[in-house]
């Protein structure tokens, strides 16, 4: 499992029980929705990081690339009901 996904699972409330051979355990009614929400938020964050900006000022460019990323971010928020 990817280390970041492992971290998000722990943050969502899952526990990894290695010694007993159980693997992942937790309250799936509360942990699973939180885990999914954290993954979607991580995707939104990565899209935001991908925006192009001026290397000197850090200001975002007004360009097609950034507009498309904004649309994708809005779509993810709407589909999954996630707020930043």
PDB file of N, CA and C in Angstrom:
ATOM      1  N   UNK A   1       0.850  -1.173   0.000  1.00  0.00           N
ATOM      2  CA  UNK A   1       0.000   0.000   0.000  1.00  0.00           C
ATOM      3  C   UNK A   1       0.896   1.237   0.000  1.00  0.00           C
ATOM      4  N   UNK A   2       0.499   2.223  -0.774  1.00  0.00           N
ATOM      5  CA  UNK A   2       1.185   3.501  -0.816  1.00  0.00           C
ATOM      6  C   UNK A   2       1.219   4.109   0.584  1.00  0.00           C
ATOM      7  N   UNK A   3       2.344   4.689   0.954  1.00  0.00           N
ATOM      8  CA  UNK A   3       2.512   5.248   2.311  1.00  0.00           C
ATOM      9  C   UNK A   3       1.501   6.355   2.595  1.00  0.00           C
ATOM     10  N   UNK A   4       1.205   7.187   1.595  1.00  0.00           N
ATOM     11  CA  UNK A   4       0.247   8.286   1.809  1.00  0.00           C
ATOM     12  C   UNK A   4      -1.148   7.713   2.072  1.00  0.00           C
ATOM     13  N   UNK A   5      -1.543   6.686   1.357  1.00  0.00           N
ATOM     14  CA  UNK A   5      -2.851   6.054   1.582  1.00  0.00           C
ATOM     15  C   UNK A   5      -2.881   5.434   2.973  1.00  0.00           C
ATOM     16  N   UNK A   6      -1.790   4.826   3.371  1.00  0.00           N
ATOM     17  CA  UNK A   6      -1.674   4.253   4.717  1.00  0.00           C
ATOM     18  C   UNK A   6      -1.886   5.357   5.768  1.00  0.00           C
ATOM     19  N   UNK A   7      -1.241   6.513   5.570  1.00  0.00           N
ATOM     20  CA  UNK A   7      -1.399   7.640   6.491  1.00  0.00           C
ATOM     21  C   UNK A   7      -2.843   8.128   6.542  1.00  0.00           C
ATOM     22  N   UNK A   8      -3.480   8.220   5.381  1.00  0.00           N
ATOM     23  CA  UNK A   8      -4.874   8.685   5.336  1.00  0.00           C
ATOM     24  C   UNK A   8      -5.803   7.694   6.027  1.00  0.00           C
ATOM     25  N   UNK A   9      -5.545   6.401   5.868  1.00  0.00           N
ATOM     26  CA  UNK A   9      -6.369   5.382   6.535  1.00  0.00           C
ATOM     27  C   UNK A   9      -6.254   5.520   8.051  1.00  0.00           C
ATOM     28  N   UNK A  10      -5.052   5.732   8.536  1.00  0.00           N
ATOM     29  CA  UNK A  10      -4.862   5.932   9.980  1.00  0.00           C
ATOM     30  C   UNK A  10      -5.549   7.203  10.449  1.00  0.00           C
ATOM     31  N   UNK A  11      -5.446   8.270   9.649  1.00  0.00           N
ATOM     32  CA  UNK A  11      -6.084   9.543   9.994  1.00  0.00           C
ATOM     33  C   UNK A  11      -7.612   9.402  10.031  1.00  0.00           C
ATOM     34  N   UNK A  12      -8.142   8.521   9.199  1.00  0.00           N
ATOM     35  CA  UNK A  12      -9.597   8.307   9.153  1.00  0.00           C
ATOM     36  C   UNK A  12     -10.110   7.467  10.317  1.00  0.00           C
ATOM     37  N   UNK A  13      -9.190   6.852  11.056  1.00  0.00           N
ATOM     38  CA  UNK A  13      -9.607   6.077  12.213  1.00  0.00           C
ATOM     39  C   UNK A  13      -9.410   4.581  12.079  1.00  0.00           C
ATOM     40  N   UNK A  14      -8.869   4.142  10.950  1.00  0.00           N
ATOM     41  CA  UNK A  14      -8.549   2.719  10.817  1.00  0.00           C
ATOM     42  C   UNK A  14      -7.287   2.409  11.611  1.00  0.00           C
ATOM     43  N   UNK A  15      -7.149   1.162  11.996  1.00  0.00           N
ATOM     44  CA  UNK A  15      -5.945   0.695  12.681  1.00  0.00           C
ATOM     45  C   UNK A  15      -5.373  -0.463  11.880  1.00  0.00           C
ATOM     46  N   UNK A  16      -4.065  -0.504  11.807  1.00  0.00           N
ATOM     47  CA  UNK A  16      -3.424  -1.625  11.136  1.00  0.00           C
ATOM     48  C   UNK A  16      -2.887  -2.557  12.204  1.00  0.00           C
ATOM     49  N   UNK A  17      -3.418  -3.774  12.244  1.00  0.00           N
ATOM     50  CA  UNK A  17      -3.031  -4.753  13.258  1.00  0.00           C
ATOM     51  C   UNK A  17      -2.178  -5.807  12.567  1.00  0.00           C
ATOM     52  N   UNK A  18      -0.879  -5.602  12.622  1.00  0.00           N
ATOM     53  CA  UNK A  18       0.053  -6.457  11.894  1.00  0.00           C
ATOM     54  C   UNK A  18       0.265  -7.802  12.591  1.00  0.00           C
ATOM     55  N   UNK A  19       0.443  -7.787  13.897  1.00  0.00           N
ATOM     56  CA  UNK A  19       0.809  -8.991  14.633  1.00  0.00           C
ATOM     57  C   UNK A  19      -0.261 -10.074  14.610  1.00  0.00           C
ATOM     58  N   UNK A  20      -1.510  -9.680  14.547  1.00  0.00           N
ATOM     59  CA  UNK A  20      -2.587 -10.665  14.632  1.00  0.00           C
ATOM     60  C   UNK A  20      -3.069 -11.132  13.256  1.00  0.00           C
ATOM     61  N   UNK A  21      -2.439 -10.649  12.205  1.00  0.00           N
ATOM     62  CA  UNK A  21      -2.813 -11.068  10.864  1.00  0.00           C
ATOM     63  C   UNK A  21      -4.178 -10.552  10.424  1.00  0.00           C
ATOM     64  N   UNK A  22      -4.708  -9.591  11.150  1.00  0.00           N
ATOM     65  CA  UNK A  22      -6.034  -9.054  10.837  1.00  0.00           C
ATOM     66  C   UNK A  22      -5.962  -8.048   9.698  1.00  0.00           C
ATOM     67  N   UNK A  23      -4.915  -7.264   9.660  1.00  0.00           N
ATOM     68  CA  UNK A  23      -4.810  -6.203   8.657  1.00  0.00           C
ATOM     69  C   UNK A  23      -5.491  -4.952   9.172  1.00  0.00           C
ATOM     70  N   UNK A  24      -6.345  -4.386   8.360  1.00  0.00           N
ATOM     71  CA  UNK A  24      -7.006  -3.134   8.724  1.00  0.00           C
ATOM     72  C   UNK A  24      -8.278  -3.406   9.511  1.00  0.00           C
ATOM     73  N   UNK A  25      -8.456  -2.645  10.581  1.00  0.00           N
ATOM     74  CA  UNK A  25      -9.655  -2.758  11.408  1.00  0.00           C
ATOM     75  C   UNK A  25     -10.123  -1.358  11.776  1.00  0.00           C
ATOM     76  N   UNK A  26     -11.378  -1.255  12.043  1.00  0.00           N
ATOM     77  CA  UNK A  26     -11.921   0.030  12.452  1.00  0.00           C
ATOM     78  C   UNK A  26     -13.426   0.015  12.358  1.00  0.00           C
ATOM     79  N   UNK A  27     -14.023   1.124  12.733  1.00  0.00           N
ATOM     80  CA  UNK A  27     -15.461   1.289  12.624  1.00  0.00           C
ATOM     81  C   UNK A  27     -15.755   1.734  11.185  1.00  0.00           C
ATOM     82  N   UNK A  28     -16.153   0.791  10.348  1.00  0.00           N
ATOM     83  CA  UNK A  28     -16.348   1.095   8.938  1.00  0.00           C
ATOM     84  C   UNK A  28     -17.451   2.112   8.692  1.00  0.00           C
ATOM     85  N   UNK A  29     -18.425   2.212   9.579  1.00  0.00           N
ATOM     86  CA  UNK A  29     -19.503   3.187   9.402  1.00  0.00           C
ATOM     87  C   UNK A  29     -18.997   4.619   9.507  1.00  0.00           C
ATOM     88  N   UNK A  30     -17.968   4.846  10.316  1.00  0.00           N
ATOM     89  CA  UNK A  30     -17.439   6.203  10.437  1.00  0.00           C
ATOM     90  C   UNK A  30     -16.099   6.356   9.721  1.00  0.00           C
ATOM     91  N   UNK A  31     -15.261   5.330   9.740  1.00  0.00           N
ATOM     92  CA  UNK A  31     -13.918   5.436   9.165  1.00  0.00           C
ATOM     93  C   UNK A  31     -13.913   5.430   7.642  1.00  0.00           C
ATOM     94  N   UNK A  32     -14.756   4.611   7.033  1.00  0.00           N
ATOM     95  CA  UNK A  32     -14.741   4.498   5.575  1.00  0.00           C
ATOM     96  C   UNK A  32     -15.162   5.798   4.886  1.00  0.00           C
ATOM     97  N   UNK A  33     -16.254   6.446   5.294  1.00  0.00           N
ATOM     98  CA  UNK A  33     -16.595   7.728   4.665  1.00  0.00           C
ATOM     99  C   UNK A  33     -15.512   8.783   4.879  1.00  0.00           C
ATOM    100  N   UNK A  34     -14.915   8.811   6.064  1.00  0.00           N
ATOM    101  CA  UNK A  34     -13.849   9.771   6.344  1.00  0.00           C
ATOM    102  C   UNK A  34     -12.639   9.481   5.463  1.00  0.00           C
ATOM    103  N   UNK A  35     -12.305   8.216   5.286  1.00  0.00           N
ATOM    104  CA  UNK A  35     -11.185   7.814   4.438  1.00  0.00           C
ATOM    105  C   UNK A  35     -11.419   8.279   2.997  1.00  0.00           C
ATOM    106  N   UNK A  36     -12.615   8.044   2.493  1.00  0.00           N
ATOM    107  CA  UNK A  36     -12.953   8.476   1.125  1.00  0.00           C
ATOM    108  C   UNK A  36     -12.857   9.994   1.001  1.00  0.00           C
ATOM    109  N   UNK A  37     -13.364  10.702   1.995  1.00  0.00           N
ATOM    110  CA  UNK A  37     -13.309  12.167   1.983  1.00  0.00           C
ATOM    111  C   UNK A  37     -11.853  12.649   1.968  1.00  0.00           C
ATOM    112  N   UNK A  38     -11.003  12.029   2.756  1.00  0.00           N
ATOM    113  CA  UNK A  38      -9.595  12.424   2.802  1.00  0.00           C
ATOM    114  C   UNK A  38      -8.898  12.182   1.468  1.00  0.00           C
ATOM    115  N   UNK A  39      -9.246  11.091   0.794  1.00  0.00           N
ATOM    116  CA  UNK A  39      -8.652  10.815  -0.516  1.00  0.00           C
ATOM    117  C   UNK A  39      -9.077  11.869  -1.529  1.00  0.00           C
ATOM    118  N   UNK A  40     -10.362  12.223  -1.531  1.00  0.00           N
ATOM    119  CA  UNK A  40     -10.850  13.243  -2.466  1.00  0.00           C
ATOM    120  C   UNK A  40     -10.184  14.586  -2.164  1.00  0.00           C
ATOM    121  N   UNK A  41     -10.060  14.937  -0.887  1.00  0.00           N
ATOM    122  CA  UNK A  41      -9.397  16.194  -0.523  1.00  0.00           C
ATOM    123  C   UNK A  41      -7.940  16.196  -0.964  1.00  0.00           C
ATOM    124  N   UNK A  42      -7.285  15.058  -0.869  1.00  0.00           N
ATOM    125  CA  UNK A  42      -5.893  14.941  -1.308  1.00  0.00           C
ATOM    126  C   UNK A  42      -5.800  15.154  -2.823  1.00  0.00           C
ATOM    127  N   UNK A  43      -6.751  14.618  -3.570  1.00  0.00           N
ATOM    128  CA  UNK A  43      -6.781  14.814  -5.024  1.00  0.00           C
ATOM    129  C   UNK A  43      -6.987  16.287  -5.363  1.00  0.00           C
ATOM    130  N   UNK A  44      -7.899  16.946  -4.654  1.00  0.00           N
ATOM    131  CA  UNK A  44      -8.159  18.370  -4.861  1.00  0.00           C
ATOM    132  C   UNK A  44      -6.902  19.182  -4.569  1.00  0.00           C
ATOM    133  N   UNK A  45      -6.222  18.837  -3.491  1.00  0.00           N
ATOM    134  CA  UNK A  45      -4.990  19.529  -3.132  1.00  0.00           C
ATOM    135  C   UNK A  45      -3.939  19.391  -4.237  1.00  0.00           C
ATOM    136  N   UNK A  46      -3.780  18.181  -4.753  1.00  0.00           N
ATOM    137  CA  UNK A  46      -2.790  17.948  -5.805  1.00  0.00           C
ATOM    138  C   UNK A  46      -3.136  18.701  -7.085  1.00  0.00           C
ATOM    139  N   UNK A  47      -4.420  18.785  -7.418  1.00  0.00           N
ATOM    140  CA  UNK A  47      -4.813  19.570  -8.591  1.00  0.00           C
ATOM    141  C   UNK A  47      -4.467  21.040  -8.386  1.00  0.00           C
ATOM    142  N   UNK A  48      -4.715  21.542  -7.185  1.00  0.00           N
ATOM    143  CA  UNK A  48      -4.392  22.936  -6.881  1.00  0.00           C
ATOM    144  C   UNK A  48      -2.904  23.218  -6.985  1.00  0.00           C
ATOM    145  N   UNK A  49      -2.095  22.271  -6.563  1.00  0.00           N
ATOM    146  CA  UNK A  49      -0.638  22.418  -6.639  1.00  0.00           C
ATOM    147  C   UNK A  49      -0.170  22.438  -8.095  1.00  0.00           C
ATOM    148  N   UNK A  50      -0.940  21.826  -8.978  1.00  0.00           N
ATOM    149  CA  UNK A  50      -0.559  21.733 -10.391  1.00  0.00           C
ATOM    150  C   UNK A  50      -0.821  23.009 -11.175  1.00  0.00           C
ATOM    151  N   UNK A  51      -1.439  23.989 -10.542  1.00  0.00           N
ATOM    152  CA  UNK A  51      -1.711  25.239 -11.259  1.00  0.00           C
ATOM    153  C   UNK A  51      -0.408  25.961 -11.567  1.00  0.00           C
ATOM    154  N   UNK A  52      -0.426  26.680 -12.679  1.00  0.00           N
ATOM    155  CA  UNK A  52       0.743  27.428 -13.117  1.00  0.00           C
ATOM    156  C   UNK A  52       0.709  28.834 -12.533  1.00  0.00           C
ATOM    157  N   UNK A  53       1.883  29.279 -12.060  1.00  0.00           N
ATOM    158  CA  UNK A  53       1.953  30.620 -11.491  1.00  0.00           C
ATOM    159  C   UNK A  53       3.272  31.285 -11.874  1.00  0.00           C
ATOM    160  N   UNK A  54       3.319  32.577 -11.646  1.00  0.00           N
ATOM    161  CA  UNK A  54       4.523  33.356 -11.901  1.00  0.00           C
ATOM    162  C   UNK A  54       5.591  32.925 -10.901  1.00  0.00           C
ATOM    163  N   UNK A  55       6.754  32.479 -11.384  1.00  0.00           N
ATOM    164  CA  UNK A  55       7.786  31.997 -10.454  1.00  0.00           C
ATOM    165  C   UNK A  55       8.359  33.081  -9.554  1.00  0.00           C
ATOM    166  N   UNK A  56       8.186  34.332  -9.924  1.00  0.00           N
ATOM    167  CA  UNK A  56       8.745  35.426  -9.130  1.00  0.00           C
ATOM    168  C   UNK A  56       7.762  35.961  -8.097  1.00  0.00           C
ATOM    169  N   UNK A  57       6.492  36.054  -8.476  1.00  0.00           N
ATOM    170  CA  UNK A  57       5.505  36.628  -7.553  1.00  0.00           C
ATOM    171  C   UNK A  57       4.631  35.569  -6.901  1.00  0.00           C
ATOM    172  N   UNK A  58       4.533  34.395  -7.530  1.00  0.00           N
ATOM    173  CA  UNK A  58       3.661  33.352  -7.009  1.00  0.00           C
ATOM    174  C   UNK A  58       2.207  33.539  -7.405  1.00  0.00           C
ATOM    175  N   UNK A  59       1.911  34.608  -8.142  1.00  0.00           N
ATOM    176  CA  UNK A  59       0.534  34.852  -8.575  1.00  0.00           C
ATOM    177  C   UNK A  59       0.144  33.841  -9.654  1.00  0.00           C
ATOM    178  N   UNK A  60      -1.086  33.324  -9.527  1.00  0.00           N
ATOM    179  CA  UNK A  60      -1.577  32.359 -10.511  1.00  0.00           C
ATOM    180  C   UNK A  60      -1.808  33.042 -11.849  1.00  0.00           C
ATOM    181  N   UNK A  61      -1.431  32.345 -12.910  1.00  0.00           N
ATOM    182  CA  UNK A  61      -1.699  32.847 -14.250  1.00  0.00           C
ATOM    183  C   UNK A  61      -3.178  32.661 -14.569  1.00  0.00           C
ATOM    184  N   UNK A  62      -3.720  33.586 -15.354  1.00  0.00           N
ATOM    185  CA  UNK A  62      -5.060  33.414 -15.902  1.00  0.00           C
ATOM    186  C   UNK A  62      -4.839  32.720 -17.240  1.00  0.00           C
ATOM    187  N   UNK A  63      -5.056  31.402 -17.258  1.00  0.00           N
ATOM    188  CA  UNK A  63      -4.793  30.641 -18.477  1.00  0.00           C
ATOM    189  C   UNK A  63      -5.733  29.442 -18.533  1.00  0.00           C
ATOM    190  N   UNK A  64      -5.784  28.824 -19.702  1.00  0.00           N
ATOM    191  CA  UNK A  64      -6.665  27.672 -19.924  1.00  0.00           C
ATOM    192  C   UNK A  64      -6.321  26.513 -18.979  1.00  0.00           C
ATOM    193  N   UNK A  65      -5.030  26.289 -18.751  1.00  0.00           N
ATOM    194  CA  UNK A  65      -4.579  25.208 -17.866  1.00  0.00           C
ATOM    195  C   UNK A  65      -5.205  25.357 -16.468  1.00  0.00           C
ATOM    196  N   UNK A  66      -5.093  26.546 -15.905  1.00  0.00           N
ATOM    197  CA  UNK A  66      -5.633  26.773 -14.561  1.00  0.00           C
ATOM    198  C   UNK A  66      -7.158  26.731 -14.550  1.00  0.00           C
ATOM    199  N   UNK A  67      -7.780  27.194 -15.629  1.00  0.00           N
ATOM    200  CA  UNK A  67      -9.236  27.161 -15.712  1.00  0.00           C
ATOM    201  C   UNK A  67      -9.744  25.722 -15.714  1.00  0.00           C
ATOM    202  N   UNK A  68      -9.059  24.856 -16.451  1.00  0.00           N
ATOM    203  CA  UNK A  68      -9.450  23.438 -16.499  1.00  0.00           C
ATOM    204  C   UNK A  68      -9.277  22.798 -15.120  1.00  0.00           C
ATOM    205  N   UNK A  69      -8.178  23.105 -14.442  1.00  0.00           N
ATOM    206  CA  UNK A  69      -7.966  22.555 -13.102  1.00  0.00           C
ATOM    207  C   UNK A  69      -9.053  23.033 -12.139  1.00  0.00           C
ATOM    208  N   UNK A  70      -9.431  24.298 -12.246  1.00  0.00           N
ATOM    209  CA  UNK A  70     -10.512  24.813 -11.397  1.00  0.00           C
ATOM    210  C   UNK A  70     -11.821  24.068 -11.655  1.00  0.00           C
ATOM    211  N   UNK A  71     -12.106  23.784 -12.923  1.00  0.00           N
ATOM    212  CA  UNK A  71     -13.312  23.028 -13.271  1.00  0.00           C
ATOM    213  C   UNK A  71     -13.263  21.621 -12.675  1.00  0.00           C
ATOM    214  N   UNK A  72     -12.110  20.989 -12.748  1.00  0.00           N
ATOM    215  CA  UNK A  72     -11.975  19.641 -12.195  1.00  0.00           C
ATOM    216  C   UNK A  72     -12.129  19.653 -10.678  1.00  0.00           C
ATOM    217  N   UNK A  73     -11.559  20.652 -10.029  1.00  0.00           N
ATOM    218  CA  UNK A  73     -11.688  20.779  -8.576  1.00  0.00           C
ATOM    219  C   UNK A  73     -13.148  20.966  -8.189  1.00  0.00           C
ATOM    220  N   UNK A  74     -13.832  21.862  -8.896  1.00  0.00           N
ATOM    221  CA  UNK A  74     -15.256  22.097  -8.616  1.00  0.00           C
ATOM    222  C   UNK A  74     -16.085  20.837  -8.846  1.00  0.00           C
ATOM    223  N   UNK A  75     -15.761  20.088  -9.911  1.00  0.00           N
ATOM    224  CA  UNK A  75     -16.486  18.858 -10.221  1.00  0.00           C
ATOM    225  C   UNK A  75     -16.308  17.833  -9.097  1.00  0.00           C
ATOM    226  N   UNK A  76     -15.077  17.651  -8.622  1.00  0.00           N
ATOM    227  CA  UNK A  76     -14.838  16.708  -7.530  1.00  0.00           C
ATOM    228  C   UNK A  76     -15.598  17.111  -6.273  1.00  0.00           C
ATOM    229  N   UNK A  77     -15.577  18.395  -5.961  1.00  0.00           N
ATOM    230  CA  UNK A  77     -16.294  18.877  -4.778  1.00  0.00           C
ATOM    231  C   UNK A  77     -17.788  18.599  -4.899  1.00  0.00           C
ATOM    232  N   UNK A  78     -18.342  18.852  -6.082  1.00  0.00           N
ATOM    233  CA  UNK A  78     -19.767  18.653  -6.289  1.00  0.00           C
ATOM    234  C   UNK A  78     -20.150  17.180  -6.265  1.00  0.00           C
ATOM    235  N   UNK A  79     -19.414  16.357  -6.974  1.00  0.00           N
ATOM    236  CA  UNK A  79     -19.743  14.929  -7.064  1.00  0.00           C
ATOM    237  C   UNK A  79     -19.671  14.249  -5.706  1.00  0.00           C
ATOM    238  N   UNK A  80     -18.618  14.562  -4.947  1.00  0.00           N
ATOM    239  CA  UNK A  80     -18.400  13.874  -3.678  1.00  0.00           C
ATOM    240  C   UNK A  80     -18.866  14.673  -2.464  1.00  0.00           C
ATOM    241  N   UNK A  81     -19.377  15.890  -2.685  1.00  0.00           N
ATOM    242  CA  UNK A  81     -19.878  16.693  -1.577  1.00  0.00           C
ATOM    243  C   UNK A  81     -18.803  17.065  -0.572  1.00  0.00           C
ATOM    244  N   UNK A  82     -17.616  17.369  -1.081  1.00  0.00           N
ATOM    245  CA  UNK A  82     -16.484  17.657  -0.207  1.00  0.00           C
ATOM    246  C   UNK A  82     -16.198  19.159  -0.220  1.00  0.00           C
ATOM    247  N   UNK A  83     -16.004  19.702   0.950  1.00  0.00           N
ATOM    248  CA  UNK A  83     -15.582  21.099   1.092  1.00  0.00           C
ATOM    249  C   UNK A  83     -14.119  21.106   1.479  1.00  0.00           C
ATOM    250  N   UNK A  84     -13.424  22.159   1.093  1.00  0.00           N
ATOM    251  CA  UNK A  84     -11.994  22.258   1.434  1.00  0.00           C
ATOM    252  C   UNK A  84     -11.813  22.613   2.882  1.00  0.00           C
TER     253      UNK A  84
END
